[in-house]
Amino acid sequence: MTIKALLLFGLLFGLVSVPAVYAEPSSPMKSSRRTVLLNVQNMTCSMCKFTIKKALSSVAGTEKVRVNFEDKTATVTFNPQKTNNHALIEAITNAGYPATVQSTKQ
C-alpha cells in the first residue's frame, strides 16, 4: 500500500469508528421567565403608566411590562435569575408609585 492509501484508510476508519454523541437534558430546565401582577398606588392619570413602565423596564432582567390604568395594575414578565419581585417593587416605589404583589406565575 502506498502512503496515500494508508492515510485515506486511516481517515475513513477514524470517521466510522467515532461514536455519535447526542445531548440529553440531565434534568428539566427551570422556567426562565416569571410573571408578576402588581397592584400600583398613586396612579392618578393615564400618563402615570408611562412613568411606571419606564421604571420597571429599567430593572435588569425585565422582559415585558404592561400597565393598566383602569385596574391600577402592572404585569411584568422577567427573568428570575436576573431580578425578583422586590427589585421591581423598589423601582416603581422609588418612582412614586408604591406597589404590592397581587399574584405570581411561572
PDB file of N, CA and C in Angstrom:
ATOM      1  N   MET A   1       0.829  -1.181   0.000  1.00  0.00           N
ATOM      2  CA  MET A   1       0.000   0.000   0.000  1.00  0.00           C
ATOM      3  C   MET A   1       0.873   1.242   0.000  1.00  0.00           C
ATOM      4  N   THR A   2       0.370   2.229  -0.641  1.00  0.00           N
ATOM      5  CA  THR A   2       1.115   3.467  -0.688  1.00  0.00           C
ATOM      6  C   THR A   2       0.737   4.321   0.519  1.00  0.00           C
ATOM      7  N   ILE A   3       1.470   5.353   0.734  1.00  0.00           N
ATOM      8  CA  ILE A   3       1.231   6.248   1.860  1.00  0.00           C
ATOM      9  C   ILE A   3      -0.135   6.926   1.712  1.00  0.00           C
ATOM     10  N   LYS A   4      -0.503   7.320   0.497  1.00  0.00           N
ATOM     11  CA  LYS A   4      -1.795   7.954   0.279  1.00  0.00           C
ATOM     12  C   LYS A   4      -2.936   6.999   0.633  1.00  0.00           C
ATOM     13  N   ALA A   5      -2.809   5.766   0.255  1.00  0.00           N
ATOM     14  CA  ALA A   5      -3.851   4.780   0.548  1.00  0.00           C
ATOM     15  C   ALA A   5      -3.963   4.557   2.052  1.00  0.00           C
ATOM     16  N   LEU A   6      -2.843   4.491   2.753  1.00  0.00           N
ATOM     17  CA  LEU A   6      -2.850   4.320   4.201  1.00  0.00           C
ATOM     18  C   LEU A   6      -3.490   5.519   4.904  1.00  0.00           C
ATOM     19  N   LEU A   7      -3.172   6.701   4.456  1.00  0.00           N
ATOM     20  CA  LEU A   7      -3.774   7.903   5.039  1.00  0.00           C
ATOM     21  C   LEU A   7      -5.278   7.931   4.805  1.00  0.00           C
ATOM     22  N   LEU A   8      -5.698   7.586   3.591  1.00  0.00           N
ATOM     23  CA  LEU A   8      -7.114   7.571   3.272  1.00  0.00           C
ATOM     24  C   LEU A   8      -7.842   6.518   4.104  1.00  0.00           C
ATOM     25  N   PHE A   9      -7.245   5.335   4.220  1.00  0.00           N
ATOM     26  CA  PHE A   9      -7.839   4.277   5.028  1.00  0.00           C
ATOM     27  C   PHE A   9      -7.941   4.711   6.493  1.00  0.00           C
ATOM     28  N   GLY A  10      -6.905   5.314   7.022  1.00  0.00           N
ATOM     29  CA  GLY A  10      -6.902   5.784   8.412  1.00  0.00           C
ATOM     30  C   GLY A  10      -7.953   6.849   8.642  1.00  0.00           C
ATOM     31  N   LEU A  11      -8.092   7.748   7.701  1.00  0.00           N
ATOM     32  CA  LEU A  11      -9.087   8.811   7.821  1.00  0.00           C
ATOM     33  C   LEU A  11     -10.500   8.233   7.801  1.00  0.00           C
ATOM     34  N   LEU A  12     -10.770   7.363   6.848  1.00  0.00           N
ATOM     35  CA  LEU A  12     -12.097   6.754   6.761  1.00  0.00           C
ATOM     36  C   LEU A  12     -12.401   5.898   7.985  1.00  0.00           C
ATOM     37  N   PHE A  13     -11.437   5.108   8.441  1.00  0.00           N
ATOM     38  CA  PHE A  13     -11.649   4.270   9.621  1.00  0.00           C
ATOM     39  C   PHE A  13     -11.907   5.138  10.857  1.00  0.00           C
ATOM     40  N   GLY A  14     -11.195   6.250  10.960  1.00  0.00           N
ATOM     41  CA  GLY A  14     -11.374   7.155  12.094  1.00  0.00           C
ATOM     42  C   GLY A  14     -12.766   7.778  12.115  1.00  0.00           C
ATOM     43  N   LEU A  15     -13.275   8.138  10.949  1.00  0.00           N
ATOM     44  CA  LEU A  15     -14.615   8.722  10.878  1.00  0.00           C
ATOM     45  C   LEU A  15     -15.698   7.705  11.223  1.00  0.00           C
ATOM     46  N   VAL A  16     -15.506   6.480  10.802  1.00  0.00           N
ATOM     47  CA  VAL A  16     -16.504   5.441  11.054  1.00  0.00           C
ATOM     48  C   VAL A  16     -16.482   4.991  12.506  1.00  0.00           C
ATOM     49  N   SER A  17     -15.333   4.985  13.123  1.00  0.00           N
ATOM     50  CA  SER A  17     -15.220   4.442  14.476  1.00  0.00           C
ATOM     51  C   SER A  17     -15.554   5.454  15.581  1.00  0.00           C
ATOM     52  N   VAL A  18     -15.752   6.724  15.232  1.00  0.00           N
ATOM     53  CA  VAL A  18     -16.089   7.737  16.228  1.00  0.00           C
ATOM     54  C   VAL A  18     -17.566   7.574  16.594  1.00  0.00           C
ATOM     55  N   PRO A  19     -17.888   7.368  17.868  1.00  0.00           N
ATOM     56  CA  PRO A  19     -19.288   7.187  18.249  1.00  0.00           C
ATOM     57  C   PRO A  19     -20.053   8.505  18.151  1.00  0.00           C
ATOM     58  N   ALA A  20     -21.321   8.402  17.814  1.00  0.00           N
ATOM     59  CA  ALA A  20     -22.180   9.581  17.764  1.00  0.00           C
ATOM     60  C   ALA A  20     -22.528   9.985  19.183  1.00  0.00           C
ATOM     61  N   VAL A  21     -22.536  11.283  19.436  1.00  0.00           N
ATOM     62  CA  VAL A  21     -22.847  11.808  20.760  1.00  0.00           C
ATOM     63  C   VAL A  21     -24.115  12.640  20.642  1.00  0.00           C
ATOM     64  N   TYR A  22     -25.084  12.334  21.475  1.00  0.00           N
ATOM     65  CA  TYR A  22     -26.337  13.061  21.483  1.00  0.00           C
ATOM     66  C   TYR A  22     -26.505  13.754  22.824  1.00  0.00           C
ATOM     67  N   ALA A  23     -26.940  14.995  22.785  1.00  0.00           N
ATOM     68  CA  ALA A  23     -27.139  15.753  24.020  1.00  0.00           C
ATOM     69  C   ALA A  23     -28.491  15.374  24.607  1.00  0.00           C
ATOM     70  N   GLU A  24     -28.486  14.923  25.813  1.00  0.00           N
ATOM     71  CA  GLU A  24     -29.708  14.609  26.552  1.00  0.00           C
ATOM     72  C   GLU A  24     -29.788  15.568  27.725  1.00  0.00           C
ATOM     73  N   PRO A  25     -30.917  16.187  27.942  1.00  0.00           N
ATOM     74  CA  PRO A  25     -31.026  17.062  29.111  1.00  0.00           C
ATOM     75  C   PRO A  25     -30.894  16.234  30.383  1.00  0.00           C
ATOM     76  N   SER A  26     -30.053  16.689  31.296  1.00  0.00           N
ATOM     77  CA  SER A  26     -29.832  15.958  32.534  1.00  0.00           C
ATOM     78  C   SER A  26     -30.979  16.125  33.506  1.00  0.00           C
ATOM     79  N   SER A  27     -31.673  17.252  33.428  1.00  0.00           N
ATOM     80  CA  SER A  27     -32.836  17.484  34.272  1.00  0.00           C
ATOM     81  C   SER A  27     -33.729  18.495  33.584  1.00  0.00           C
ATOM     82  N   PRO A  28     -35.003  18.508  33.913  1.00  0.00           N
ATOM     83  CA  PRO A  28     -35.878  19.504  33.291  1.00  0.00           C
ATOM     84  C   PRO A  28     -35.382  20.911  33.586  1.00  0.00           C
ATOM     85  N   MET A  29     -35.416  21.756  32.562  1.00  0.00           N
ATOM     86  CA  MET A  29     -34.943  23.127  32.742  1.00  0.00           C
ATOM     87  C   MET A  29     -35.950  23.917  33.563  1.00  0.00           C
ATOM     88  N   LYS A  30     -35.428  24.750  34.432  1.00  0.00           N
ATOM     89  CA  LYS A  30     -36.285  25.653  35.189  1.00  0.00           C
ATOM     90  C   LYS A  30     -36.808  26.724  34.245  1.00  0.00           C
ATOM     91  N   SER A  31     -37.985  27.179  34.528  1.00  0.00           N
ATOM     92  CA  SER A  31     -38.567  28.233  33.711  1.00  0.00           C
ATOM     93  C   SER A  31     -37.671  29.468  33.794  1.00  0.00           C
ATOM     94  N   SER A  32     -37.376  30.033  32.637  1.00  0.00           N
ATOM     95  CA  SER A  32     -36.511  31.214  32.628  1.00  0.00           C
ATOM     96  C   SER A  32     -37.326  32.496  32.647  1.00  0.00           C
ATOM     97  N   ARG A  33     -38.641  32.365  32.860  1.00  0.00           N
ATOM     98  CA  ARG A  33     -39.491  33.548  32.931  1.00  0.00           C
ATOM     99  C   ARG A  33     -40.469  33.415  34.082  1.00  0.00           C
ATOM    100  N   ARG A  34     -40.779  34.538  34.646  1.00  0.00           N
ATOM    101  CA  ARG A  34     -41.802  34.607  35.684  1.00  0.00           C
ATOM    102  C   ARG A  34     -42.615  35.862  35.409  1.00  0.00           C
ATOM    103  N   THR A  35     -43.901  35.802  35.700  1.00  0.00           N
ATOM    104  CA  THR A  35     -44.776  36.955  35.508  1.00  0.00           C
ATOM    105  C   THR A  35     -45.415  37.307  36.841  1.00  0.00           C
ATOM    106  N   VAL A  36     -45.387  38.587  37.168  1.00  0.00           N
ATOM    107  CA  VAL A  36     -45.968  39.061  38.420  1.00  0.00           C
ATOM    108  C   VAL A  36     -46.985  40.151  38.102  1.00  0.00           C
ATOM    109  N   LEU A  37     -48.087  40.125  38.837  1.00  0.00           N
ATOM    110  CA  LEU A  37     -49.110  41.161  38.722  1.00  0.00           C
ATOM    111  C   LEU A  37     -49.009  42.027  39.961  1.00  0.00           C
ATOM    112  N   LEU A  38     -48.736  43.310  39.758  1.00  0.00           N
ATOM    113  CA  LEU A  38     -48.547  44.247  40.860  1.00  0.00           C
ATOM    114  C   LEU A  38     -49.752  45.182  40.983  1.00  0.00           C
ATOM    115  N   ASN A  39     -50.192  45.407  42.207  1.00  0.00           N
ATOM    116  CA  ASN A  39     -51.179  46.447  42.500  1.00  0.00           C
ATOM    117  C   ASN A  39     -50.399  47.738  42.706  1.00  0.00           C
ATOM    118  N   VAL A  40     -50.715  48.763  41.956  1.00  0.00           N
ATOM    119  CA  VAL A  40     -49.939  50.004  41.975  1.00  0.00           C
ATOM    120  C   VAL A  40     -50.782  51.140  42.560  1.00  0.00           C
ATOM    121  N   GLN A  41     -50.199  51.863  43.499  1.00  0.00           N
ATOM    122  CA  GLN A  41     -50.869  53.006  44.124  1.00  0.00           C
ATOM    123  C   GLN A  41     -50.429  54.310  43.450  1.00  0.00           C
ATOM    124  N   ASN A  42     -51.176  55.351  43.716  1.00  0.00           N
ATOM    125  CA  ASN A  42     -50.855  56.719  43.273  1.00  0.00           C
ATOM    126  C   ASN A  42     -50.982  56.954  41.774  1.00  0.00           C
ATOM    127  N   MET A  43     -51.627  56.064  41.042  1.00  0.00           N
ATOM    128  CA  MET A  43     -51.869  56.323  39.623  1.00  0.00           C
ATOM    129  C   MET A  43     -53.087  57.240  39.535  1.00  0.00           C
ATOM    130  N   THR A  44     -52.851  58.484  39.169  1.00  0.00           N
ATOM    131  CA  THR A  44     -53.937  59.468  39.142  1.00  0.00           C
ATOM    132  C   THR A  44     -54.395  59.836  37.738  1.00  0.00           C
ATOM    133  N   CYS A  45     -53.583  59.510  36.746  1.00  0.00           N
ATOM    134  CA  CYS A  45     -53.973  59.818  35.371  1.00  0.00           C
ATOM    135  C   CYS A  45     -53.382  58.765  34.435  1.00  0.00           C
ATOM    136  N   SER A  46     -53.849  58.756  33.216  1.00  0.00           N
ATOM    137  CA  SER A  46     -53.381  57.747  32.263  1.00  0.00           C
ATOM    138  C   SER A  46     -51.918  57.941  31.865  1.00  0.00           C
ATOM    139  N   MET A  47     -51.364  59.103  32.123  1.00  0.00           N
ATOM    140  CA  MET A  47     -49.952  59.350  31.809  1.00  0.00           C
ATOM    141  C   MET A  47     -49.012  58.676  32.813  1.00  0.00           C
ATOM    142  N   CYS A  48     -49.522  58.356  33.993  1.00  0.00           N
ATOM    143  CA  CYS A  48     -48.693  57.700  35.012  1.00  0.00           C
ATOM    144  C   CYS A  48     -48.132  56.376  34.510  1.00  0.00           C
ATOM    145  N   LYS A  49     -48.878  55.710  33.648  1.00  0.00           N
ATOM    146  CA  LYS A  49     -48.442  54.392  33.191  1.00  0.00           C
ATOM    147  C   LYS A  49     -47.105  54.448  32.454  1.00  0.00           C
ATOM    148  N   PHE A  50     -46.812  55.565  31.810  1.00  0.00           N
ATOM    149  CA  PHE A  50     -45.543  55.684  31.099  1.00  0.00           C
ATOM    150  C   PHE A  50     -44.364  55.762  32.073  1.00  0.00           C
ATOM    151  N   THR A  51     -44.546  56.475  33.165  1.00  0.00           N
ATOM    152  CA  THR A  51     -43.501  56.569  34.191  1.00  0.00           C
ATOM    153  C   THR A  51     -43.286  55.206  34.850  1.00  0.00           C
ATOM    154  N   ILE A  52     -44.371  54.507  35.141  1.00  0.00           N
ATOM    155  CA  ILE A  52     -44.290  53.186  35.769  1.00  0.00           C
ATOM    156  C   ILE A  52     -43.605  52.198  34.826  1.00  0.00           C
ATOM    157  N   LYS A  53     -44.010  52.213  33.568  1.00  0.00           N
ATOM    158  CA  LYS A  53     -43.408  51.306  32.587  1.00  0.00           C
ATOM    159  C   LYS A  53     -41.911  51.568  32.436  1.00  0.00           C
ATOM    160  N   LYS A  54     -41.541  52.831  32.411  1.00  0.00           N
ATOM    161  CA  LYS A  54     -40.121  53.184  32.281  1.00  0.00           C
ATOM    162  C   LYS A  54     -39.338  52.707  33.502  1.00  0.00           C
ATOM    163  N   ALA A  55     -39.890  52.903  34.700  1.00  0.00           N
ATOM    164  CA  ALA A  55     -39.203  52.485  35.927  1.00  0.00           C
ATOM    165  C   ALA A  55     -39.031  50.972  35.966  1.00  0.00           C
ATOM    166  N   LEU A  56     -40.080  50.238  35.603  1.00  0.00           N
ATOM    167  CA  LEU A  56     -39.992  48.772  35.620  1.00  0.00           C
ATOM    168  C   LEU A  56     -39.073  48.253  34.522  1.00  0.00           C
ATOM    169  N   SER A  57     -39.126  48.851  33.356  1.00  0.00           N
ATOM    170  CA  SER A  57     -38.280  48.421  32.231  1.00  0.00           C
ATOM    171  C   SER A  57     -36.804  48.661  32.497  1.00  0.00           C
ATOM    172  N   SER A  58     -36.491  49.587  33.381  1.00  0.00           N
ATOM    173  CA  SER A  58     -35.085  49.885  33.673  1.00  0.00           C
ATOM    174  C   SER A  58     -34.434  48.836  34.578  1.00  0.00           C
ATOM    175  N   VAL A  59     -35.234  47.949  35.163  1.00  0.00           N
ATOM    176  CA  VAL A  59     -34.688  46.894  36.027  1.00  0.00           C
ATOM    177  C   VAL A  59     -34.112  45.795  35.135  1.00  0.00           C
ATOM    178  N   ALA A  60     -32.846  45.450  35.347  1.00  0.00           N
ATOM    179  CA  ALA A  60     -32.193  44.403  34.557  1.00  0.00           C
ATOM    180  C   ALA A  60     -32.953  43.096  34.706  1.00  0.00           C
ATOM    181  N   GLY A  61     -33.222  42.432  33.585  1.00  0.00           N
ATOM    182  CA  GLY A  61     -33.943  41.166  33.608  1.00  0.00           C
ATOM    183  C   GLY A  61     -35.414  41.301  33.261  1.00  0.00           C
ATOM    184  N   THR A  62     -35.915  42.541  33.203  1.00  0.00           N
ATOM    185  CA  THR A  62     -37.306  42.763  32.839  1.00  0.00           C
ATOM    186  C   THR A  62     -37.457  42.533  31.341  1.00  0.00           C
ATOM    187  N   GLU A  63     -38.432  41.715  30.965  1.00  0.00           N
ATOM    188  CA  GLU A  63     -38.632  41.384  29.559  1.00  0.00           C
ATOM    189  C   GLU A  63     -39.863  42.052  28.951  1.00  0.00           C
ATOM    190  N   LYS A  64     -40.936  42.194  29.737  1.00  0.00           N
ATOM    191  CA  LYS A  64     -42.171  42.774  29.210  1.00  0.00           C
ATOM    192  C   LYS A  64     -42.922  43.460  30.338  1.00  0.00           C
ATOM    193  N   VAL A  65     -43.483  44.638  30.051  1.00  0.00           N
ATOM    194  CA  VAL A  65     -44.250  45.390  31.051  1.00  0.00           C
ATOM    195  C   VAL A  65     -45.547  45.863  30.411  1.00  0.00           C
ATOM    196  N   ARG A  66     -46.661  45.611  31.093  1.00  0.00           N
ATOM    197  CA  ARG A  66     -47.963  46.149  30.695  1.00  0.00           C
ATOM    198  C   ARG A  66     -48.566  46.829  31.914  1.00  0.00           C
ATOM    199  N   VAL A  67     -48.973  48.080  31.750  1.00  0.00           N
ATOM    200  CA  VAL A  67     -49.570  48.846  32.848  1.00  0.00           C
ATOM    201  C   VAL A  67     -51.023  49.131  32.477  1.00  0.00           C
ATOM    202  N   ASN A  68     -51.927  48.858  33.426  1.00  0.00           N
ATOM    203  CA  ASN A  68     -53.346  49.083  33.208  1.00  0.00           C
ATOM    204  C   ASN A  68     -53.818  50.163  34.173  1.00  0.00           C
ATOM    205  N   PHE A  69     -54.116  51.336  33.633  1.00  0.00           N
ATOM    206  CA  PHE A  69     -54.534  52.462  34.465  1.00  0.00           C
ATOM    207  C   PHE A  69     -55.875  52.190  35.141  1.00  0.00           C
ATOM    208  N   GLU A  70     -56.813  51.614  34.403  1.00  0.00           N
ATOM    209  CA  GLU A  70     -58.154  51.373  34.948  1.00  0.00           C
ATOM    210  C   GLU A  70     -58.117  50.444  36.166  1.00  0.00           C
ATOM    211  N   ASP A  71     -57.324  49.376  36.079  1.00  0.00           N
ATOM    212  CA  ASP A  71     -57.232  48.401  37.176  1.00  0.00           C
ATOM    213  C   ASP A  71     -56.173  48.765  38.215  1.00  0.00           C
ATOM    214  N   LYS A  72     -55.357  49.774  37.890  1.00  0.00           N
ATOM    215  CA  LYS A  72     -54.251  50.180  38.769  1.00  0.00           C
ATOM    216  C   LYS A  72     -53.288  49.004  39.010  1.00  0.00           C
ATOM    217  N   THR A  73     -52.922  48.329  37.904  1.00  0.00           N
ATOM    218  CA  THR A  73     -52.017  47.184  37.990  1.00  0.00           C
ATOM    219  C   THR A  73     -50.907  47.293  36.953  1.00  0.00           C
ATOM    220  N   ALA A  74     -49.863  46.540  37.210  1.00  0.00           N
ATOM    221  CA  ALA A  74     -48.771  46.387  36.249  1.00  0.00           C
ATOM    222  C   ALA A  74     -48.446  44.900  36.173  1.00  0.00           C
ATOM    223  N   THR A  75     -48.358  44.381  34.957  1.00  0.00           N
ATOM    224  CA  THR A  75     -47.989  42.993  34.732  1.00  0.00           C
ATOM    225  C   THR A  75     -46.575  42.991  34.175  1.00  0.00           C
ATOM    226  N   VAL A  76     -45.676  42.291  34.866  1.00  0.00           N
ATOM    227  CA  VAL A  76     -44.268  42.303  34.483  1.00  0.00           C
ATOM    228  C   VAL A  76     -43.787  40.872  34.274  1.00  0.00           C
ATOM    229  N   THR A  77     -43.194  40.619  33.104  1.00  0.00           N
ATOM    230  CA  THR A  77     -42.547  39.341  32.830  1.00  0.00           C
ATOM    231  C   THR A  77     -41.056  39.585  32.925  1.00  0.00           C
ATOM    232  N   PHE A  78     -40.374  38.722  33.687  1.00  0.00           N
ATOM    233  CA  PHE A  78     -38.946  38.944  33.941  1.00  0.00           C
ATOM    234  C   PHE A  78     -38.199  37.630  34.079  1.00  0.00           C
ATOM    235  N   ASN A  79     -36.890  37.726  34.012  1.00  0.00           N
ATOM    236  CA  ASN A  79     -36.007  36.579  34.204  1.00  0.00           C
ATOM    237  C   ASN A  79     -35.676  36.503  35.696  1.00  0.00           C
ATOM    238  N   PRO A  80     -36.132  35.452  36.400  1.00  0.00           N
ATOM    239  CA  PRO A  80     -35.916  35.372  37.846  1.00  0.00           C
ATOM    240  C   PRO A  80     -34.460  35.152  38.238  1.00  0.00           C
ATOM    241  N   GLN A  81     -33.615  34.842  37.277  1.00  0.00           N
ATOM    242  CA  GLN A  81     -32.187  34.706  37.564  1.00  0.00           C
ATOM    243  C   GLN A  81     -31.487  36.055  37.553  1.00  0.00           C
ATOM    244  N   LYS A  82     -32.185  37.082  37.051  1.00  0.00           N
ATOM    245  CA  LYS A  82     -31.586  38.417  36.979  1.00  0.00           C
ATOM    246  C   LYS A  82     -32.251  39.428  37.916  1.00  0.00           C
ATOM    247  N   THR A  83     -33.513  39.191  38.269  1.00  0.00           N
ATOM    248  CA  THR A  83     -34.215  40.124  39.150  1.00  0.00           C
ATOM    249  C   THR A  83     -35.292  39.381  39.922  1.00  0.00           C
ATOM    250  N   ASN A  84     -36.019  40.116  40.760  1.00  0.00           N
ATOM    251  CA  ASN A  84     -37.066  39.492  41.564  1.00  0.00           C
ATOM    252  C   ASN A  84     -38.171  40.520  41.849  1.00  0.00           C
ATOM    253  N   ASN A  85     -39.227  40.049  42.515  1.00  0.00           N
ATOM    254  CA  ASN A  85     -40.359  40.926  42.825  1.00  0.00           C
ATOM    255  C   ASN A  85     -39.929  42.150  43.631  1.00  0.00           C
ATOM    256  N   HIS A  86     -39.051  41.939  44.596  1.00  0.00           N
ATOM    257  CA  HIS A  86     -38.609  43.036  45.464  1.00  0.00           C
ATOM    258  C   HIS A  86     -37.956  44.158  44.653  1.00  0.00           C
ATOM    259  N   ALA A  87     -37.102  43.803  43.699  1.00  0.00           N
ATOM    260  CA  ALA A  87     -36.425  44.826  42.887  1.00  0.00           C
ATOM    261  C   ALA A  87     -37.418  45.598  42.025  1.00  0.00           C
ATOM    262  N   LEU A  88     -38.426  44.902  41.516  1.00  0.00           N
ATOM    263  CA  LEU A  88     -39.447  45.572  40.704  1.00  0.00           C
ATOM    264  C   LEU A  88     -40.261  46.547  41.551  1.00  0.00           C
ATOM    265  N   ILE A  89     -40.673  46.090  42.738  1.00  0.00           N
ATOM    266  CA  ILE A  89     -41.448  46.947  43.638  1.00  0.00           C
ATOM    267  C   ILE A  89     -40.622  48.157  44.067  1.00  0.00           C
ATOM    268  N   GLU A  90     -39.358  47.921  44.356  1.00  0.00           N
ATOM    269  CA  GLU A  90     -38.481  49.024  44.760  1.00  0.00           C
ATOM    270  C   GLU A  90     -38.351  50.062  43.642  1.00  0.00           C
ATOM    271  N   ALA A  91     -38.248  49.603  42.393  1.00  0.00           N
ATOM    272  CA  ALA A  91     -38.085  50.526  41.265  1.00  0.00           C
ATOM    273  C   ALA A  91     -39.287  51.449  41.112  1.00  0.00           C
ATOM    274  N   ILE A  92     -40.499  50.904  41.190  1.00  0.00           N
ATOM    275  CA  ILE A  92     -41.651  51.790  40.998  1.00  0.00           C
ATOM    276  C   ILE A  92     -42.002  52.565  42.258  1.00  0.00           C
ATOM    277  N   THR A  93     -41.650  52.032  43.420  1.00  0.00           N
ATOM    278  CA  THR A  93     -41.843  52.800  44.656  1.00  0.00           C
ATOM    279  C   THR A  93     -40.947  54.031  44.628  1.00  0.00           C
ATOM    280  N   ASN A  94     -39.707  53.861  44.170  1.00  0.00           N
ATOM    281  CA  ASN A  94     -38.785  54.991  44.055  1.00  0.00           C
ATOM    282  C   ASN A  94     -39.265  56.015  43.028  1.00  0.00           C
ATOM    283  N   ALA A  95     -40.087  55.580  42.079  1.00  0.00           N
ATOM    284  CA  ALA A  95     -40.649  56.497  41.084  1.00  0.00           C
ATOM    285  C   ALA A  95     -41.921  57.174  41.601  1.00  0.00           C
ATOM    286  N   GLY A  96     -42.345  56.817  42.831  1.00  0.00           N
ATOM    287  CA  GLY A  96     -43.513  57.461  43.425  1.00  0.00           C
ATOM    288  C   GLY A  96     -44.791  56.645  43.362  1.00  0.00           C
ATOM    289  N   TYR A  97     -44.670  55.381  43.018  1.00  0.00           N
ATOM    290  CA  TYR A  97     -45.843  54.520  42.880  1.00  0.00           C
ATOM    291  C   TYR A  97     -45.655  53.243  43.703  1.00  0.00           C
ATOM    292  N   PRO A  98     -45.936  53.284  44.998  1.00  0.00           N
ATOM    293  CA  PRO A  98     -45.788  52.079  45.831  1.00  0.00           C
ATOM    294  C   PRO A  98     -46.637  50.943  45.258  1.00  0.00           C
ATOM    295  N   ALA A  99     -46.137  49.715  45.407  1.00  0.00           N
ATOM    296  CA  ALA A  99     -46.853  48.570  44.834  1.00  0.00           C
ATOM    297  C   ALA A  99     -46.761  47.362  45.759  1.00  0.00           C
ATOM    298  N   THR A 100     -47.692  46.452  45.552  1.00  0.00           N
ATOM    299  CA  THR A 100     -47.676  45.168  46.249  1.00  0.00           C
ATOM    300  C   THR A 100     -47.950  44.078  45.218  1.00  0.00           C
ATOM    301  N   VAL A 101     -47.535  42.862  45.548  1.00  0.00           N
ATOM    302  CA  VAL A 101     -47.750  41.730  44.653  1.00  0.00           C
ATOM    303  C   VAL A 101     -49.172  41.227  44.804  1.00  0.00           C
ATOM    304  N   GLN A 102     -49.885  41.143  43.690  1.00  0.00           N
ATOM    305  CA  GLN A 102     -51.223  40.557  43.698  1.00  0.00           C
ATOM    306  C   GLN A 102     -51.135  39.062  43.403  1.00  0.00           C
ATOM    307  N   SER A 103     -50.321  38.680  42.400  1.00  0.00           N
ATOM    308  CA  SER A 103     -50.131  37.260  42.072  1.00  0.00           C
ATOM    309  C   SER A 103     -48.852  37.076  41.277  1.00  0.00           C
ATOM    310  N   THR A 104     -48.355  35.831  41.288  1.00  0.00           N
ATOM    311  CA  THR A 104     -47.139  35.486  40.555  1.00  0.00           C
ATOM    312  C   THR A 104     -47.393  34.206  39.778  1.00  0.00           C
ATOM    313  N   LYS A 105     -46.896  34.152  38.541  1.00  0.00           N
ATOM    314  CA  LYS A 105     -46.989  32.956  37.694  1.00  0.00           C
ATOM    315  C   LYS A 105     -45.604  32.597  37.195  1.00  0.00           C
ATOM    316  N   GLN A 106     -45.389  31.299  37.028  1.00  0.00           N
ATOM    317  CA  GLN A 106     -44.126  30.878  36.422  1.00  0.00           C
ATOM    318  C   GLN A 106     -44.311  30.574  34.980  1.00  0.00           C
TER     319      GLN A 106
END
